Amino acid sequence: MRRTALVTGASRGLGRALATALAADGWNLVVDARDGHALDAARAEIDAAGPGDVVALTGDIDDPIHVAGLVGAAVDQGRFDLLVNNAGTLGPSPLPPVSRLRAEDLERTLRTNVVAPLRIIQAALPHLRRNGGTIVNVTSDAAVEGYEGWGGYGASKAAFEQLSRVLAAEEPVVRVYWVDPGDMRTRMHQDAFPGEDISDRPVPAERVPGLLTLVQWRPPSGRYRVDDLLDPAAGTEPPAPTLVLADAAEAAR
């Protein structure tokens, strides 16, 4: 039976590049985005990349009905093995300092970057447990570093990382990865640096091989950096995570 992956936020950027690569590797795909026109274009590209089926559903991951539809479609496609929580929001742009960060903007960012993916994880877990599946939660170095202006986004990603860390301790059958893809030439990154030239950043497709390494090798649950996964010195197997499952279990006690 062909494996199925659910990738959120797949109309552009990293989500689209990863979904296309998974399709080329023979996976069935369920993808979503809020922009229906952009999602239609992405679906055509993803569908052309491989032999599997592609289901594209327009909607907001903050909508429980949309989430139920996504997970239901993934289950209907066949063996639901992989959930990639890629969709997210930067928050207001230009990025405000914490002293001027509006509470309602932080609430909206937390809802999109933490609460919505939690809802998807909870809906998907019964199926991923059954199949010994994998969860990839896309995070950022802003979760662990103190960059000026990144307080709201960084706080949401720090919360998402802690949620992932505890989930890894609680779900030994499922592989849980929280992955920092590094800087990329994306619309979100451009919004973070309005008016600046970001052409020196790698395009998302250049980061995808690192994510595929996790999906294919299924190393221990933990936090990974794509830069480390792409390092030729790492050898034929992925490097150890910066936080392994045993550490996560101890931290959760």
Protein backbone atom coordinates (compact mmCIF):
# COMPACT_ATOMS: atom_id res chain seq x y z
CA MET A 1 0.00 0.00 0.00
CA ARG A 2 1.32 3.45 -0.94
CA ARG A 3 2.25 5.66 2.02
CA THR A 4 0.39 8.92 2.64
CA ALA A 5 1.76 12.21 3.94
CA LEU A 6 -0.20 15.24 5.14
CA VAL A 7 1.73 18.49 4.59
CA THR A 8 0.20 21.77 5.75
CA GLY A 9 1.03 25.11 4.17
CA ALA A 10 2.00 23.53 0.86
CA SER A 11 1.06 26.25 -1.62
CA ARG A 12 4.58 27.73 -1.60
CA GLY A 13 7.94 27.68 0.12
CA LEU A 14 9.18 24.71 2.10
CA GLY A 15 5.81 22.95 2.23
CA ARG A 16 5.43 22.94 -1.54
CA ALA A 17 9.02 21.85 -2.12
CA LEU A 18 8.78 19.02 0.42
CA ALA A 19 5.41 17.80 -0.86
CA THR A 20 6.78 17.73 -4.41
CA ALA A 21 9.81 15.71 -3.31
CA LEU A 22 7.64 13.25 -1.38
CA ALA A 23 5.42 12.79 -4.43
CA ALA A 24 8.51 12.07 -6.52
CA ASP A 25 9.43 9.45 -3.91
CA GLY A 26 6.10 7.68 -4.44
CA TRP A 27 3.98 9.05 -1.60
CA ASN A 28 0.31 9.96 -1.72
CA LEU A 29 -0.15 13.55 -0.58
CA VAL A 30 -2.77 15.57 1.24
CA VAL A 31 -1.90 19.27 1.16
CA ASP A 32 -3.57 22.48 2.20
CA ALA A 33 -3.27 26.26 2.19
CA ARG A 34 -5.54 29.25 2.69
CA ASP A 35 -5.03 30.62 -0.83
CA GLY A 36 -7.01 28.40 -3.19
CA HIS A 37 -5.46 29.71 -6.41
CA ALA A 38 -1.91 29.22 -5.12
CA LEU A 39 -2.85 25.77 -3.83
CA ASP A 40 -4.25 24.74 -7.23
CA ALA A 41 -0.95 25.66 -8.89
CA ALA A 42 1.01 23.78 -6.25
CA ARG A 43 -1.24 20.74 -6.56
CA ALA A 44 -0.56 20.54 -10.30
CA GLU A 45 3.20 20.61 -9.68
CA ILE A 46 3.03 18.05 -6.87
CA ASP A 47 0.75 15.76 -8.88
CA ALA A 48 3.10 15.86 -11.88
CA ALA A 49 6.09 14.89 -9.71
CA GLY A 50 5.04 11.34 -8.88
CA PRO A 51 2.67 8.43 -9.41
CA GLY A 52 0.63 8.85 -6.21
CA ASP A 53 -2.65 10.62 -5.59
CA VAL A 54 -2.76 14.24 -4.45
CA VAL A 55 -5.65 15.78 -2.51
CA ALA A 56 -5.59 19.56 -2.02
CA LEU A 57 -7.97 21.18 0.46
CA THR A 58 -8.25 24.93 0.80
CA GLY A 59 -8.75 26.13 4.36
CA ASP A 60 -7.28 27.43 7.60
CA ILE A 61 -5.58 25.04 10.02
CA ASP A 62 -7.20 27.04 12.83
CA ASP A 63 -10.58 25.67 11.68
CA PRO A 64 -11.44 22.34 13.40
CA ILE A 65 -13.69 21.34 10.50
CA HIS A 66 -10.85 21.85 8.03
CA VAL A 67 -8.51 19.83 10.27
CA ALA A 68 -10.99 16.95 10.40
CA GLY A 69 -11.21 17.05 6.60
CA LEU A 70 -7.43 16.95 6.22
CA VAL A 71 -6.93 13.97 8.52
CA GLY A 72 -9.94 12.16 7.04
CA ALA A 73 -8.54 12.63 3.54
CA ALA A 74 -5.13 11.30 4.65
CA VAL A 75 -6.73 8.21 6.17
CA ASP A 76 -8.82 7.63 3.04
CA GLN A 77 -5.71 7.83 0.84
CA GLY A 78 -4.18 4.71 2.36
CA ARG A 79 -1.44 4.15 4.95
CA PHE A 80 -1.20 7.48 6.80
CA ASP A 81 2.48 7.53 7.82
CA LEU A 82 3.64 11.15 7.92
CA LEU A 83 2.36 14.47 9.26
CA VAL A 84 4.33 17.63 8.47
CA ASN A 85 3.21 20.69 10.44
CA ASN A 86 4.67 23.36 8.18
CA ALA A 87 1.92 25.99 8.02
CA GLY A 88 2.45 28.99 10.27
CA THR A 89 2.48 32.74 10.56
CA LEU A 90 5.24 35.26 11.15
CA GLY A 91 2.90 37.67 12.89
CA PRO A 92 2.93 41.40 12.20
CA SER A 93 5.44 42.81 9.73
CA PRO A 94 7.65 44.76 10.26
CA LEU A 95 8.51 42.72 13.35
CA PRO A 96 7.78 44.81 16.47
CA PRO A 97 9.90 44.87 19.62
CA VAL A 98 8.36 43.16 22.64
CA SER A 99 7.59 46.58 24.14
CA ARG A 100 5.19 47.25 21.24
CA LEU A 101 3.97 43.70 20.56
CA ARG A 102 0.19 43.79 20.74
CA ALA A 103 -1.39 41.09 22.87
CA GLU A 104 -3.92 40.26 20.17
CA ASP A 105 -1.13 39.74 17.62
CA LEU A 106 0.69 37.39 19.99
CA GLU A 107 -2.54 35.49 20.67
CA ARG A 108 -3.14 35.08 16.93
CA THR A 109 0.44 33.90 16.36
CA LEU A 110 0.23 31.37 19.19
CA ARG A 111 -3.10 30.10 17.91
CA THR A 112 -1.74 29.51 14.41
CA ASN A 113 1.74 28.23 15.32
CA VAL A 114 0.92 26.16 18.42
CA VAL A 115 -2.78 25.50 19.01
CA ALA A 116 -3.70 24.69 15.40
CA PRO A 117 -0.91 22.14 14.86
CA LEU A 118 -1.76 20.60 18.23
CA ARG A 119 -5.28 20.03 16.96
CA ILE A 120 -3.92 18.32 13.83
CA ILE A 121 -1.53 16.17 15.89
CA GLN A 122 -4.32 15.02 18.19
CA ALA A 123 -6.54 14.08 15.24
CA ALA A 124 -3.71 12.26 13.46
CA LEU A 125 -2.15 10.42 16.41
CA PRO A 126 -4.46 7.35 16.50
CA HIS A 127 -3.56 6.60 12.89
CA LEU A 128 0.14 7.40 13.23
CA ARG A 129 0.39 5.19 16.34
CA ARG A 130 -1.16 2.31 14.42
CA ASN A 131 1.32 2.68 11.58
CA GLY A 132 4.39 3.63 13.63
CA GLY A 133 4.38 6.93 11.78
CA THR A 134 6.31 10.19 11.89
CA ILE A 135 5.54 13.79 12.85
CA VAL A 136 7.74 16.61 11.52
CA ASN A 137 7.13 19.95 13.23
CA VAL A 138 8.84 22.84 11.44
CA THR A 139 10.43 25.23 13.92
CA SER A 140 13.11 27.95 13.85
CA ASP A 141 16.31 29.12 15.49
CA ALA A 142 14.14 32.00 16.77
CA ALA A 143 12.77 29.45 19.27
CA VAL A 144 16.15 29.24 21.02
CA GLU A 145 17.86 32.55 20.20
CA GLY A 146 17.03 36.11 21.29
CA TYR A 147 16.77 38.07 18.05
CA GLU A 148 15.45 41.64 18.25
CA GLY A 149 11.91 41.85 16.90
CA TRP A 150 11.33 38.12 16.97
CA GLY A 151 9.63 37.96 20.37
CA GLY A 152 6.16 36.93 19.20
CA TYR A 153 7.22 34.45 16.53
CA GLY A 154 10.06 33.11 18.68
CA ALA A 155 7.75 32.62 21.66
CA SER A 156 5.33 30.63 19.51
CA LYS A 157 8.08 28.41 18.13
CA ALA A 158 9.57 27.90 21.62
CA ALA A 159 6.14 26.73 22.80
CA PHE A 160 5.83 24.47 19.76
CA GLU A 161 9.23 22.95 20.49
CA GLN A 162 8.31 22.21 24.11
CA LEU A 163 5.03 20.67 22.95
CA SER A 164 7.03 18.49 20.54
CA ARG A 165 9.55 17.56 23.23
CA VAL A 166 6.87 16.32 25.62
CA LEU A 167 4.99 14.59 22.81
CA ALA A 168 8.18 12.66 21.97
CA ALA A 169 8.39 11.48 25.58
CA GLU A 170 4.75 10.42 25.61
CA GLU A 171 4.58 8.69 22.21
CA PRO A 172 7.43 6.15 21.92
CA VAL A 173 5.86 4.40 18.91
CA VAL A 174 5.74 7.61 16.84
CA ARG A 175 8.85 9.46 15.69
CA VAL A 176 8.56 13.16 16.57
CA TYR A 177 10.99 15.64 15.02
CA TRP A 178 11.10 19.39 15.58
CA VAL A 179 13.25 20.69 12.78
CA ASP A 180 14.95 24.05 12.18
CA PRO A 181 15.23 24.41 8.38
CA GLY A 182 17.44 27.51 8.59
CA ASP A 183 17.05 30.75 6.64
CA MET A 184 15.37 30.41 3.26
CA ARG A 185 14.35 32.62 0.35
CA THR A 186 10.63 32.61 1.14
CA ARG A 187 7.82 35.15 1.35
CA MET A 188 7.74 34.79 5.14
CA HIS A 189 11.45 35.50 5.40
CA GLN A 190 11.05 38.50 3.11
CA ASP A 191 8.23 39.77 5.33
CA ALA A 192 10.59 39.52 8.27
CA PHE A 193 13.09 41.73 6.44
CA PRO A 194 10.94 44.11 4.35
CA GLY A 195 12.87 45.93 1.68
CA GLU A 196 16.05 43.91 2.20
CA ASP A 197 17.72 41.71 -0.40
CA ILE A 198 17.43 38.07 0.72
CA SER A 199 18.64 36.56 -2.56
CA ASP A 200 21.64 35.08 -0.75
CA ARG A 201 19.38 32.70 1.20
CA PRO A 202 18.91 29.17 -0.16
CA VAL A 203 15.66 28.32 -1.90
CA PRO A 204 13.43 25.87 0.00
CA ALA A 205 14.19 22.99 -2.38
CA GLU A 206 17.80 23.09 -1.19
CA ARG A 207 16.65 22.35 2.38
CA VAL A 208 14.35 19.46 1.47
CA PRO A 209 17.05 16.72 1.32
CA GLY A 210 17.70 17.23 5.03
CA LEU A 211 14.04 16.67 5.85
CA LEU A 212 13.92 13.62 3.61
CA THR A 213 16.87 12.20 5.55
CA LEU A 214 14.74 12.19 8.71
CA VAL A 215 11.73 10.66 6.97
CA GLN A 216 13.79 7.92 5.32
CA TRP A 217 16.19 7.04 8.16
CA ARG A 218 13.79 7.64 11.09
CA PRO A 219 16.49 8.37 13.73
CA PRO A 220 15.51 8.94 17.39
CA SER A 221 12.89 11.59 18.12
CA GLY A 222 14.39 14.99 18.87
CA ARG A 223 15.39 18.42 17.63
CA TYR A 224 17.34 18.58 14.38
CA ARG A 225 18.88 21.33 12.25
CA VAL A 226 18.74 20.91 8.49
CA ASP A 227 22.26 22.38 8.27
CA ASP A 228 23.52 19.41 10.31
CA LEU A 229 21.53 16.93 8.25
CA LEU A 230 23.05 18.32 5.05
CA ASP A 231 26.61 18.37 6.41
CA PRO A 232 28.75 16.00 4.29
CA ALA A 233 30.82 15.26 7.40
CA ALA A 234 27.75 13.66 8.98
CA GLY A 235 28.35 10.50 6.95
CA THR A 236 25.72 8.12 5.63
CA GLU A 237 23.42 8.39 8.65
CA PRO A 238 21.84 11.50 10.19
CA PRO A 239 23.59 13.08 13.19
CA ALA A 240 22.24 12.67 16.69
CA PRO A 241 19.49 15.11 17.63
CA THR A 242 20.35 18.05 19.87
CA LEU A 243 17.77 16.64 22.29
CA VAL A 244 17.22 12.89 22.32
CA LEU A 245 14.12 11.05 23.45
CA ALA A 246 15.65 9.90 26.74
CA ASP A 247 16.40 13.51 27.67
CA ALA A 248 12.87 14.50 26.73
CA ALA A 249 11.38 11.79 28.91
CA GLU A 250 13.51 12.86 31.87
CA ALA A 251 12.57 16.50 31.38
CA ALA A 252 8.87 15.60 31.35
CA ARG A 253 9.00 13.96 34.81
